[in-house]
N, C-alpha and C. Protein backbone atom coordinates (compact mmCIF):
# COMPACT_ATOMS: atom_id res chain seq x y z
N MET A 1 252.32 26.24 248.49
CA MET A 1 252.67 25.25 247.51
C MET A 1 252.82 25.87 246.13
N GLU A 2 253.90 25.60 245.47
CA GLU A 2 254.14 26.19 244.15
C GLU A 2 253.20 25.60 243.11
N ILE A 3 252.68 26.45 242.25
CA ILE A 3 251.76 26.02 241.21
C ILE A 3 252.54 25.76 239.92
N SER A 4 252.37 24.57 239.37
CA SER A 4 253.08 24.20 238.16
C SER A 4 252.23 24.53 236.94
N VAL A 5 252.79 25.28 236.02
CA VAL A 5 252.11 25.59 234.76
C VAL A 5 252.83 24.84 233.65
N LYS A 6 252.07 24.15 232.82
CA LYS A 6 252.64 23.33 231.76
C LYS A 6 252.08 23.75 230.40
N SER A 7 252.84 23.44 229.32
CA SER A 7 252.37 23.65 228.00
C SER A 7 251.54 22.43 227.56
N ALA A 8 250.43 22.69 226.90
CA ALA A 8 249.55 21.59 226.46
C ALA A 8 249.87 21.17 225.05
N SER A 9 249.72 19.92 224.80
CA SER A 9 249.82 19.35 223.44
C SER A 9 248.42 19.07 222.93
N GLY A 10 248.34 18.63 221.69
CA GLY A 10 247.05 18.29 221.14
C GLY A 10 246.33 17.22 221.94
N ALA A 11 247.11 16.34 222.57
CA ALA A 11 246.52 15.26 223.36
C ALA A 11 245.80 15.80 224.61
N ASP A 12 246.18 16.98 225.04
CA ASP A 12 245.60 17.62 226.24
C ASP A 12 244.34 18.44 225.91
N GLU A 13 244.03 18.58 224.64
CA GLU A 13 243.03 19.56 224.22
C GLU A 13 241.69 19.42 224.95
N HIS A 14 241.17 18.22 225.01
CA HIS A 14 239.88 18.01 225.69
C HIS A 14 239.96 18.38 227.16
N ALA A 15 241.04 17.94 227.82
CA ALA A 15 241.17 18.22 229.26
C ALA A 15 241.40 19.71 229.54
N VAL A 16 242.02 20.41 228.62
CA VAL A 16 242.29 21.84 228.80
C VAL A 16 241.03 22.66 228.56
N ILE A 17 240.26 22.29 227.57
CA ILE A 17 239.03 23.04 227.25
C ILE A 17 237.97 22.85 228.33
N GLY A 18 237.99 21.69 229.00
CA GLY A 18 236.99 21.42 230.05
C GLY A 18 236.88 22.50 231.09
N PRO A 19 237.97 22.91 231.75
CA PRO A 19 237.82 23.97 232.76
C PRO A 19 237.44 25.31 232.18
N LEU A 20 237.72 25.56 230.93
CA LEU A 20 237.31 26.82 230.29
C LEU A 20 235.79 26.83 230.11
N ILE A 21 235.23 25.69 229.72
CA ILE A 21 233.78 25.60 229.60
C ILE A 21 233.11 25.84 230.95
N ALA A 22 233.68 25.26 231.99
CA ALA A 22 233.13 25.44 233.33
C ALA A 22 233.30 26.90 233.81
N ALA A 23 234.43 27.49 233.50
CA ALA A 23 234.73 28.84 233.95
C ALA A 23 233.80 29.86 233.32
N PHE A 24 233.44 29.67 232.04
CA PHE A 24 232.62 30.65 231.33
C PHE A 24 231.12 30.38 231.45
N LEU A 25 230.76 29.45 232.30
CA LEU A 25 229.35 29.10 232.45
C LEU A 25 228.51 30.28 232.92
N THR A 26 229.11 31.19 233.69
CA THR A 26 228.37 32.35 234.18
C THR A 26 228.91 33.65 233.55
N ASP A 27 229.69 33.54 232.49
CA ASP A 27 230.25 34.73 231.85
C ASP A 27 229.15 35.53 231.16
N PRO A 28 229.11 36.87 231.34
CA PRO A 28 228.01 37.68 230.78
C PRO A 28 227.90 37.56 229.27
N VAL A 29 229.00 37.64 228.55
CA VAL A 29 228.95 37.62 227.09
C VAL A 29 228.64 36.20 226.58
N ALA A 30 229.27 35.19 227.16
CA ALA A 30 228.99 33.82 226.71
C ALA A 30 227.52 33.47 226.90
N ARG A 31 226.93 33.90 228.01
CA ARG A 31 225.53 33.54 228.26
C ARG A 31 224.57 34.49 227.52
N TRP A 32 225.05 35.64 227.10
CA TRP A 32 224.26 36.47 226.19
C TRP A 32 224.17 35.79 224.82
N LEU A 33 225.27 35.18 224.41
CA LEU A 33 225.27 34.45 223.13
C LEU A 33 224.42 33.20 223.24
N TYR A 34 224.55 32.48 224.37
CA TYR A 34 223.87 31.18 224.54
C TYR A 34 223.17 31.18 225.91
N PRO A 35 222.00 31.80 226.00
CA PRO A 35 221.32 31.88 227.30
C PRO A 35 220.79 30.53 227.80
N GLU A 36 220.53 29.58 226.92
CA GLU A 36 220.07 28.26 227.34
C GLU A 36 221.27 27.39 227.69
N THR A 37 221.27 26.84 228.91
CA THR A 37 222.43 26.09 229.39
C THR A 37 222.77 24.91 228.50
N HIS A 38 221.75 24.17 228.05
CA HIS A 38 222.02 23.01 227.21
C HIS A 38 222.70 23.39 225.89
N GLN A 39 222.27 24.56 225.36
CA GLN A 39 222.89 25.01 224.11
C GLN A 39 224.34 25.46 224.35
N TYR A 40 224.55 26.17 225.45
CA TYR A 40 225.90 26.58 225.81
C TYR A 40 226.83 25.38 225.89
N LEU A 41 226.44 24.35 226.61
CA LEU A 41 227.26 23.18 226.80
C LEU A 41 227.50 22.42 225.51
N ALA A 42 226.52 22.46 224.59
CA ALA A 42 226.62 21.74 223.32
C ALA A 42 227.59 22.44 222.36
N VAL A 43 227.66 23.75 222.45
CA VAL A 43 228.38 24.55 221.44
C VAL A 43 229.79 24.94 221.85
N MET A 44 230.04 25.16 223.15
CA MET A 44 231.25 25.89 223.55
C MET A 44 232.55 25.17 223.26
N SER A 45 232.58 23.86 223.26
CA SER A 45 233.82 23.17 222.92
C SER A 45 234.27 23.52 221.51
N SER A 46 233.34 23.46 220.56
CA SER A 46 233.65 23.83 219.16
C SER A 46 233.97 25.32 219.05
N PHE A 47 233.24 26.13 219.81
CA PHE A 47 233.45 27.58 219.80
C PHE A 47 234.88 27.91 220.29
N PHE A 48 235.29 27.33 221.41
CA PHE A 48 236.61 27.61 221.93
C PHE A 48 237.70 27.14 221.00
N LYS A 49 237.50 26.00 220.35
CA LYS A 49 238.52 25.50 219.42
C LYS A 49 238.65 26.42 218.21
N ALA A 50 237.54 26.98 217.71
CA ALA A 50 237.62 27.90 216.59
C ALA A 50 238.23 29.23 217.00
N PHE A 51 237.89 29.67 218.21
CA PHE A 51 238.33 31.00 218.68
C PHE A 51 239.80 30.98 219.11
N ALA A 52 240.22 29.91 219.79
CA ALA A 52 241.57 29.93 220.37
C ALA A 52 242.35 28.64 220.17
N GLY A 53 241.80 27.70 219.42
CA GLY A 53 242.45 26.40 219.24
C GLY A 53 243.81 26.42 218.63
N LYS A 54 244.15 27.48 217.88
CA LYS A 54 245.50 27.55 217.25
C LYS A 54 246.60 27.66 218.32
N ALA A 55 246.21 27.91 219.56
CA ALA A 55 247.23 27.94 220.63
C ALA A 55 247.93 26.59 220.78
N PHE A 56 247.20 25.49 220.53
CA PHE A 56 247.78 24.16 220.74
C PHE A 56 248.95 23.88 219.78
N PRO A 57 248.77 24.04 218.46
CA PRO A 57 249.93 23.76 217.59
C PRO A 57 251.05 24.79 217.71
N ASN A 58 250.75 25.95 218.28
CA ASN A 58 251.79 26.97 218.46
C ASN A 58 252.48 26.93 219.81
N GLY A 59 252.15 25.93 220.62
CA GLY A 59 252.84 25.77 221.89
C GLY A 59 252.51 26.85 222.89
N SER A 60 251.33 27.48 222.76
CA SER A 60 250.98 28.57 223.66
C SER A 60 249.65 28.32 224.35
N ALA A 61 249.34 27.04 224.55
CA ALA A 61 248.20 26.62 225.40
C ALA A 61 248.78 26.15 226.71
N TYR A 62 248.34 26.72 227.82
CA TYR A 62 248.91 26.40 229.11
C TYR A 62 247.83 25.92 230.09
N PHE A 63 248.25 25.07 231.03
CA PHE A 63 247.31 24.60 232.04
C PHE A 63 248.06 24.38 233.34
N VAL A 64 247.37 24.47 234.45
CA VAL A 64 247.96 24.11 235.73
C VAL A 64 247.91 22.58 235.86
N ASP A 65 248.76 22.03 236.66
CA ASP A 65 249.07 20.61 236.59
C ASP A 65 247.89 19.67 236.84
N ASP A 66 246.82 20.15 237.45
CA ASP A 66 245.66 19.26 237.65
C ASP A 66 244.50 19.62 236.73
N TYR A 67 244.79 20.38 235.67
CA TYR A 67 243.78 20.86 234.72
C TYR A 67 242.69 21.66 235.39
N GLY A 68 243.03 22.31 236.50
CA GLY A 68 242.06 23.14 237.19
C GLY A 68 241.86 24.51 236.54
N GLY A 69 242.76 24.87 235.64
CA GLY A 69 242.68 26.16 234.95
C GLY A 69 243.50 26.10 233.68
N ALA A 70 243.19 26.99 232.75
CA ALA A 70 243.91 26.97 231.47
C ALA A 70 243.89 28.36 230.85
N ALA A 71 244.85 28.58 229.96
CA ALA A 71 244.91 29.84 229.19
C ALA A 71 245.37 29.51 227.78
N LEU A 72 244.69 30.06 226.81
CA LEU A 72 245.02 29.84 225.39
C LEU A 72 245.44 31.16 224.80
N TRP A 73 246.70 31.25 224.44
CA TRP A 73 247.29 32.46 223.85
C TRP A 73 247.56 32.23 222.35
N LEU A 74 247.36 33.27 221.57
CA LEU A 74 247.71 33.25 220.17
C LEU A 74 248.91 34.14 219.93
N PRO A 75 249.97 33.61 219.30
CA PRO A 75 251.18 34.39 219.07
C PRO A 75 250.93 35.55 218.10
N PRO A 76 251.88 36.46 217.98
CA PRO A 76 251.75 37.55 217.02
C PRO A 76 251.46 37.02 215.63
N ASN A 77 250.51 37.68 214.94
CA ASN A 77 250.14 37.37 213.56
C ASN A 77 249.41 36.01 213.40
N VAL A 78 249.00 35.41 214.51
CA VAL A 78 248.16 34.20 214.45
C VAL A 78 246.75 34.62 214.88
N LEU A 79 245.77 34.33 214.05
CA LEU A 79 244.40 34.81 214.28
C LEU A 79 243.48 33.63 214.58
N PRO A 80 242.34 33.89 215.23
CA PRO A 80 241.34 32.85 215.37
C PRO A 80 240.90 32.32 214.03
N ASN A 81 240.35 31.14 214.00
CA ASN A 81 239.81 30.55 212.78
C ASN A 81 238.48 31.25 212.46
N GLU A 82 238.58 32.39 211.79
CA GLU A 82 237.40 33.23 211.56
C GLU A 82 236.32 32.55 210.77
N GLU A 83 236.70 31.80 209.75
CA GLU A 83 235.69 31.13 208.91
C GLU A 83 234.89 30.13 209.73
N GLU A 84 235.60 29.34 210.55
CA GLU A 84 234.90 28.35 211.37
C GLU A 84 234.08 29.03 212.48
N LEU A 85 234.64 30.08 213.03
CA LEU A 85 233.92 30.81 214.11
C LEU A 85 232.61 31.42 213.58
N LEU A 86 232.68 32.04 212.41
CA LEU A 86 231.48 32.64 211.83
C LEU A 86 230.43 31.56 211.49
N ALA A 87 230.90 30.41 211.01
CA ALA A 87 229.97 29.31 210.70
C ALA A 87 229.25 28.83 211.97
N ILE A 88 230.01 28.75 213.07
CA ILE A 88 229.38 28.34 214.33
C ILE A 88 228.36 29.35 214.78
N LEU A 89 228.71 30.64 214.76
CA LEU A 89 227.78 31.68 215.18
C LEU A 89 226.51 31.67 214.34
N ARG A 90 226.67 31.57 213.03
CA ARG A 90 225.50 31.66 212.15
C ARG A 90 224.58 30.43 212.31
N SER A 91 225.14 29.32 212.72
CA SER A 91 224.32 28.09 212.83
C SER A 91 223.78 27.86 214.24
N THR A 92 224.22 28.66 215.22
CA THR A 92 223.82 28.36 216.58
C THR A 92 223.19 29.54 217.32
N ILE A 93 223.44 30.78 216.87
CA ILE A 93 222.89 31.95 217.57
C ILE A 93 221.47 32.20 217.08
N SER A 94 220.60 32.61 217.98
CA SER A 94 219.22 32.90 217.63
C SER A 94 219.18 34.03 216.60
N GLU A 95 218.16 33.96 215.76
CA GLU A 95 218.05 34.93 214.66
C GLU A 95 218.00 36.37 215.16
N GLN A 96 217.29 36.61 216.23
CA GLN A 96 217.13 37.97 216.76
C GLN A 96 218.42 38.53 217.36
N ARG A 97 219.39 37.65 217.66
CA ARG A 97 220.63 38.09 218.31
C ARG A 97 221.84 38.02 217.35
N LEU A 98 221.66 37.36 216.22
CA LEU A 98 222.80 37.07 215.34
C LEU A 98 223.45 38.37 214.84
N GLU A 99 222.68 39.34 214.40
CA GLU A 99 223.27 40.56 213.85
C GLU A 99 224.16 41.26 214.88
N SER A 100 223.69 41.36 216.12
CA SER A 100 224.49 42.00 217.16
C SER A 100 225.73 41.18 217.48
N ALA A 101 225.59 39.84 217.48
CA ALA A 101 226.72 38.99 217.76
C ALA A 101 227.83 39.14 216.72
N LEU A 102 227.44 39.15 215.44
CA LEU A 102 228.40 39.34 214.38
C LEU A 102 229.08 40.70 214.46
N MET A 103 228.29 41.71 214.79
CA MET A 103 228.83 43.06 214.95
C MET A 103 229.84 43.13 216.11
N LEU A 104 229.51 42.40 217.19
CA LEU A 104 230.39 42.40 218.36
C LEU A 104 231.75 41.81 218.00
N PHE A 105 231.75 40.68 217.28
CA PHE A 105 233.00 40.04 216.93
C PHE A 105 233.78 40.89 215.90
N GLU A 106 233.07 41.59 215.04
CA GLU A 106 233.75 42.48 214.10
C GLU A 106 234.45 43.60 214.85
N LYS A 107 233.78 44.18 215.84
CA LYS A 107 234.40 45.22 216.64
C LYS A 107 235.57 44.70 217.43
N MET A 108 235.47 43.47 217.92
CA MET A 108 236.61 42.86 218.62
C MET A 108 237.82 42.78 217.71
N GLY A 109 237.61 42.37 216.45
CA GLY A 109 238.69 42.23 215.51
C GLY A 109 239.36 43.55 215.20
N THR A 110 238.59 44.62 215.07
CA THR A 110 239.17 45.91 214.71
C THR A 110 239.76 46.64 215.91
N SER A 111 239.56 46.13 217.11
CA SER A 111 240.08 46.80 218.31
C SER A 111 241.49 46.35 218.66
N HIS A 112 242.01 45.33 217.98
CA HIS A 112 243.38 44.88 218.27
C HIS A 112 244.41 45.96 217.93
N PRO A 113 245.50 45.99 218.66
CA PRO A 113 246.57 46.94 218.33
C PRO A 113 247.17 46.60 216.96
N LYS A 114 247.67 47.61 216.27
CA LYS A 114 248.25 47.41 214.95
C LYS A 114 249.62 46.72 215.02
N GLU A 115 250.32 46.91 216.13
CA GLU A 115 251.64 46.31 216.30
C GLU A 115 251.53 44.82 216.58
N PRO A 116 252.57 44.04 216.24
CA PRO A 116 252.57 42.60 216.59
C PRO A 116 252.34 42.43 218.09
N HIS A 117 251.51 41.48 218.45
CA HIS A 117 251.16 41.33 219.87
C HIS A 117 250.70 39.87 220.14
N TRP A 118 250.85 39.47 221.41
CA TRP A 118 250.26 38.23 221.89
C TRP A 118 248.81 38.52 222.28
N TYR A 119 247.94 37.59 221.91
CA TYR A 119 246.51 37.79 222.16
C TYR A 119 246.00 36.66 223.05
N LEU A 120 245.26 37.04 224.09
CA LEU A 120 244.70 36.06 225.04
C LEU A 120 243.20 35.98 224.82
N PRO A 121 242.73 35.03 223.97
CA PRO A 121 241.28 34.89 223.78
C PRO A 121 240.60 34.23 224.98
N MET A 122 241.31 33.33 225.66
CA MET A 122 240.66 32.51 226.70
C MET A 122 241.57 32.25 227.87
N ILE A 123 241.10 32.56 229.07
CA ILE A 123 241.71 32.12 230.32
C ILE A 123 240.60 31.84 231.31
N GLY A 124 240.69 30.78 232.05
CA GLY A 124 239.66 30.47 233.02
C GLY A 124 240.10 29.40 234.00
N VAL A 125 239.44 29.40 235.12
CA VAL A 125 239.70 28.42 236.20
C VAL A 125 238.37 27.72 236.54
N ASP A 126 238.45 26.43 236.68
CA ASP A 126 237.29 25.64 237.13
C ASP A 126 236.73 26.28 238.40
N PRO A 127 235.43 26.59 238.47
CA PRO A 127 234.86 27.23 239.66
C PRO A 127 235.16 26.48 240.97
N THR A 128 235.34 25.16 240.90
CA THR A 128 235.63 24.40 242.11
C THR A 128 237.08 24.52 242.55
N ARG A 129 237.93 25.19 241.73
CA ARG A 129 239.36 25.31 242.03
C ARG A 129 239.78 26.79 242.19
N ARG A 130 238.84 27.67 242.32
CA ARG A 130 239.17 29.08 242.41
C ARG A 130 239.77 29.41 243.75
N ALA A 131 240.35 30.63 243.83
CA ALA A 131 240.97 31.14 245.05
C ALA A 131 242.21 30.34 245.42
N ARG A 132 242.87 29.75 244.43
CA ARG A 132 244.12 29.01 244.68
C ARG A 132 245.32 29.65 243.97
N GLY A 133 245.08 30.77 243.28
CA GLY A 133 246.16 31.43 242.58
C GLY A 133 246.42 30.91 241.19
N TYR A 134 245.52 30.09 240.66
CA TYR A 134 245.72 29.50 239.34
C TYR A 134 245.74 30.58 238.24
N GLY A 135 244.80 31.51 238.33
CA GLY A 135 244.72 32.54 237.30
C GLY A 135 245.98 33.39 237.25
N SER A 136 246.48 33.79 238.40
CA SER A 136 247.71 34.58 238.46
C SER A 136 248.90 33.79 237.95
N ALA A 137 248.96 32.51 238.30
CA ALA A 137 250.08 31.67 237.85
C ALA A 137 250.07 31.53 236.32
N LEU A 138 248.90 31.35 235.74
CA LEU A 138 248.78 31.25 234.29
C LEU A 138 249.19 32.56 233.61
N MET A 139 248.76 33.68 234.16
CA MET A 139 249.11 34.97 233.60
C MET A 139 250.60 35.21 233.69
N THR A 140 251.19 35.00 234.85
CA THR A 140 252.60 35.22 235.03
C THR A 140 253.44 34.40 234.07
N HIS A 141 253.09 33.14 233.91
CA HIS A 141 253.83 32.22 233.06
C HIS A 141 253.88 32.75 231.62
N ALA A 142 252.73 33.13 231.08
CA ALA A 142 252.69 33.59 229.69
C ALA A 142 253.30 34.97 229.49
N LEU A 143 253.13 35.84 230.48
CA LEU A 143 253.65 37.20 230.32
C LEU A 143 255.16 37.25 230.39
N GLN A 144 255.76 36.26 231.01
CA GLN A 144 257.23 36.19 230.98
C GLN A 144 257.72 36.04 229.55
N ARG A 145 256.99 35.28 228.73
CA ARG A 145 257.35 35.14 227.32
C ARG A 145 257.14 36.46 226.55
N CYS A 146 256.03 37.13 226.85
CA CYS A 146 255.81 38.43 226.21
C CYS A 146 256.95 39.39 226.53
N ASP A 147 257.39 39.41 227.79
CA ASP A 147 258.45 40.29 228.18
C ASP A 147 259.79 39.89 227.54
N SER A 148 260.07 38.61 227.49
CA SER A 148 261.35 38.18 226.91
C SER A 148 261.42 38.51 225.43
N GLU A 149 260.28 38.51 224.76
CA GLU A 149 260.22 38.86 223.34
C GLU A 149 259.97 40.35 223.14
N GLN A 150 259.71 41.05 224.23
CA GLN A 150 259.39 42.49 224.17
C GLN A 150 258.21 42.76 223.24
N LYS A 151 257.12 42.01 223.48
CA LYS A 151 255.91 42.14 222.69
C LYS A 151 254.73 42.59 223.54
N LEU A 152 253.83 43.33 222.92
CA LEU A 152 252.61 43.71 223.60
C LEU A 152 251.74 42.49 223.89
N ALA A 153 250.93 42.58 224.93
CA ALA A 153 249.92 41.57 225.22
C ALA A 153 248.54 42.24 225.20
N TYR A 154 247.56 41.55 224.60
CA TYR A 154 246.24 42.16 224.44
C TYR A 154 245.17 41.13 224.78
N LEU A 155 244.11 41.60 225.36
CA LEU A 155 242.95 40.76 225.67
C LEU A 155 241.68 41.58 225.71
N GLU A 156 240.54 40.90 225.64
CA GLU A 156 239.25 41.53 225.92
C GLU A 156 238.64 40.79 227.12
N SER A 157 238.36 41.52 228.17
CA SER A 157 237.70 40.90 229.32
C SER A 157 236.19 40.95 229.08
N SER A 158 235.58 39.80 229.16
CA SER A 158 234.13 39.71 228.99
C SER A 158 233.38 39.76 230.32
N ASN A 159 234.14 39.91 231.41
CA ASN A 159 233.53 39.98 232.73
C ASN A 159 234.25 41.04 233.55
N PRO A 160 233.53 42.11 233.95
CA PRO A 160 234.21 43.20 234.72
C PRO A 160 234.82 42.72 236.01
N ARG A 161 234.38 41.60 236.55
CA ARG A 161 234.93 41.09 237.81
C ARG A 161 236.42 40.70 237.67
N ASN A 162 236.85 40.46 236.42
CA ASN A 162 238.21 40.00 236.19
C ASN A 162 239.19 41.14 235.93
N LEU A 163 238.70 42.34 235.84
CA LEU A 163 239.57 43.47 235.49
C LEU A 163 240.72 43.67 236.48
N SER A 164 240.43 43.47 237.76
CA SER A 164 241.47 43.70 238.78
C SER A 164 242.61 42.71 238.60
N LEU A 165 242.33 41.47 238.21
CA LEU A 165 243.40 40.51 237.99
C LEU A 165 244.33 41.00 236.87
N TYR A 166 243.73 41.43 235.77
CA TYR A 166 244.53 41.86 234.63
C TYR A 166 245.32 43.15 234.97
N ILE A 167 244.70 44.05 235.70
CA ILE A 167 245.39 45.29 236.08
C ILE A 167 246.60 44.97 236.95
N ARG A 168 246.44 44.01 237.89
CA ARG A 168 247.59 43.61 238.74
C ARG A 168 248.75 43.09 237.89
N HIS A 169 248.46 42.54 236.73
CA HIS A 169 249.50 42.01 235.90
C HIS A 169 249.96 42.98 234.80
N GLY A 170 249.60 44.23 234.96
CA GLY A 170 250.16 45.26 234.10
C GLY A 170 249.30 45.69 232.91
N PHE A 171 248.07 45.15 232.79
CA PHE A 171 247.22 45.55 231.70
C PHE A 171 246.52 46.89 232.00
N GLU A 172 246.26 47.64 230.97
CA GLU A 172 245.55 48.91 231.10
C GLU A 172 244.28 48.84 230.26
N LEU A 173 243.19 49.34 230.82
CA LEU A 173 241.93 49.38 230.11
C LEU A 173 242.01 50.46 229.03
N ILE A 174 241.63 50.13 227.79
CA ILE A 174 241.79 51.08 226.69
C ILE A 174 240.44 51.42 226.02
N GLY A 175 239.34 50.94 226.57
CA GLY A 175 238.04 51.28 226.00
C GLY A 175 236.97 50.27 226.36
N THR A 176 235.89 50.27 225.61
CA THR A 176 234.82 49.29 225.77
C THR A 176 234.36 48.88 224.36
N ILE A 177 233.83 47.68 224.29
CA ILE A 177 233.29 47.16 223.03
C ILE A 177 231.87 46.65 223.33
N GLN A 178 230.92 47.08 222.52
CA GLN A 178 229.54 46.68 222.72
C GLN A 178 228.81 46.74 221.39
N ALA A 179 227.83 45.88 221.18
CA ALA A 179 227.04 45.87 219.97
C ALA A 179 225.61 45.52 220.33
N GLY A 180 224.68 46.37 219.87
CA GLY A 180 223.27 46.11 220.18
C GLY A 180 223.02 46.02 221.67
N ASP A 181 222.38 44.93 222.09
CA ASP A 181 222.08 44.76 223.51
C ASP A 181 223.11 43.86 224.22
N SER A 182 224.29 43.72 223.63
CA SER A 182 225.32 42.86 224.23
C SER A 182 225.87 43.47 225.52
N PRO A 183 226.33 42.62 226.43
CA PRO A 183 227.11 43.16 227.57
C PRO A 183 228.39 43.83 227.05
N ALA A 184 228.94 44.71 227.84
CA ALA A 184 230.17 45.39 227.46
C ALA A 184 231.36 44.43 227.57
N MET A 185 232.32 44.56 226.67
CA MET A 185 233.60 43.91 226.77
C MET A 185 234.66 44.98 226.95
N PHE A 186 235.78 44.60 227.56
CA PHE A 186 236.77 45.58 227.98
C PHE A 186 238.14 45.25 227.38
N PRO A 187 238.52 45.91 226.27
CA PRO A 187 239.84 45.65 225.69
C PRO A 187 240.93 46.21 226.59
N MET A 188 242.01 45.42 226.75
CA MET A 188 243.07 45.79 227.67
C MET A 188 244.44 45.50 226.99
N LEU A 189 245.38 46.35 227.24
CA LEU A 189 246.69 46.26 226.60
C LEU A 189 247.78 46.32 227.65
N ARG A 190 248.80 45.54 227.48
CA ARG A 190 249.96 45.52 228.39
C ARG A 190 251.25 45.71 227.59
N LYS A 191 252.01 46.70 227.99
CA LYS A 191 253.34 46.89 227.36
C LYS A 191 254.34 45.95 228.01
N PRO A 192 255.30 45.47 227.22
CA PRO A 192 256.28 44.54 227.80
C PRO A 192 257.15 45.23 228.84
N ARG A 193 257.51 44.48 229.85
CA ARG A 193 258.39 44.97 230.87
C ARG A 193 259.82 44.53 230.57
N VAL A 194 260.78 45.36 230.94
CA VAL A 194 262.18 45.05 230.71
C VAL A 194 262.69 44.19 231.84
N HIS A 195 263.24 43.02 231.50
CA HIS A 195 263.77 42.12 232.53
C HIS A 195 264.94 42.74 233.26
N GLU A 196 265.10 42.39 234.52
CA GLU A 196 266.20 42.91 235.30
C GLU A 196 267.55 42.55 234.68
N GLU A 197 267.64 41.34 234.10
CA GLU A 197 268.93 40.95 233.53
C GLU A 197 269.30 41.81 232.33
N LEU A 198 268.28 42.29 231.59
CA LEU A 198 268.56 43.18 230.48
C LEU A 198 269.05 44.55 230.97
N LEU A 199 268.48 44.98 232.08
CA LEU A 199 268.95 46.24 232.66
C LEU A 199 270.39 46.13 233.13
N VAL A 200 270.72 44.97 233.74
CA VAL A 200 272.09 44.76 234.21
C VAL A 200 273.05 44.76 233.05
N LYS A 201 272.71 44.02 231.96
CA LYS A 201 273.56 43.98 230.79
C LYS A 201 273.77 45.37 230.18
N ASP A 202 272.67 46.12 230.15
CA ASP A 202 272.77 47.48 229.62
C ASP A 202 273.67 48.34 230.49
N ALA A 203 273.57 48.19 231.81
CA ALA A 203 274.40 48.98 232.71
C ALA A 203 275.89 48.63 232.55
N LEU A 204 276.19 47.37 232.23
CA LEU A 204 277.58 46.93 232.09
C LEU A 204 278.14 47.19 230.69
N ARG A 205 277.31 47.57 229.76
CA ARG A 205 277.77 47.80 228.40
C ARG A 205 278.72 49.00 228.36
N PRO A 206 279.85 48.90 227.68
CA PRO A 206 280.80 50.03 227.62
C PRO A 206 280.16 51.26 227.00
N ARG A 207 280.38 52.40 227.61
CA ARG A 207 279.84 53.66 227.13
C ARG A 207 280.97 54.40 226.38
N PHE A 208 281.14 54.08 225.09
CA PHE A 208 282.25 54.62 224.35
C PHE A 208 282.22 56.13 224.24
N SER A 209 281.02 56.67 224.08
CA SER A 209 280.91 58.12 223.94
C SER A 209 281.38 58.82 225.22
N SER A 210 281.06 58.24 226.39
CA SER A 210 281.48 58.83 227.64
C SER A 210 282.99 58.75 227.77
N SER A 211 283.59 57.60 227.35
CA SER A 211 285.02 57.43 227.44
C SER A 211 285.74 58.44 226.57
N LEU A 212 285.24 58.64 225.36
CA LEU A 212 285.88 59.59 224.47
C LEU A 212 285.77 61.00 225.02
N THR A 213 284.64 61.32 225.59
CA THR A 213 284.48 62.66 226.16
C THR A 213 285.46 62.87 227.29
N SER A 214 285.67 61.84 228.12
CA SER A 214 286.62 61.95 229.22
C SER A 214 288.02 62.20 228.70
N CYS A 215 288.37 61.48 227.60
CA CYS A 215 289.70 61.67 227.04
C CYS A 215 289.91 63.09 226.52
N TYR A 216 288.93 63.61 225.84
CA TYR A 216 289.10 64.91 225.25
C TYR A 216 289.01 66.06 226.25
N THR A 217 288.39 65.76 227.41
CA THR A 217 288.26 66.85 228.40
C THR A 217 289.27 66.76 229.49
N ALA A 218 290.13 65.67 229.47
CA ALA A 218 291.11 65.51 230.53
C ALA A 218 292.19 66.57 230.43
């Protein structure tokens, strides 16, 4: 059965963030930040909106048709709401962990490529809907846009179990990010692929230099 991926509007925001909260419930970094379940559930909706909510007005928030999974992408030169994100961290992270948390996010910011790129802060599938190909469908849908625009794609994986998915979609591991006693995060970069139709157009383009050479050597 074909999986339908749709663009989310602001009206979909609550339904789209829901599966992300469920997906990150066992994420190593998310639970390092918020080890108490009740605190995690109370904070993460606001956290996700600050970190990746700009995807909604930019038309780069995607979900599968039953809201079983979602991905929030930020276009080139669009950044998370850093002021709001820092305010959330400072007001909700335990005092003994706050310094490391702030350092972790600072390192995440400086690890981005210098070139314009699409950034994937959040992708996740509701645990009750896994093993249906939702994650791959969401990745494929967004990466087609990256390729058509010939732009880099960048992400940080907060769970090593997800590395194989990203590698299958063309991402390469470029290092690790860690601060204090935090779990490791894995920055990954994907170069755009050239569409087959562009290769065909290039093959059909007149080669004037070759024609002139033929004329002069005939």
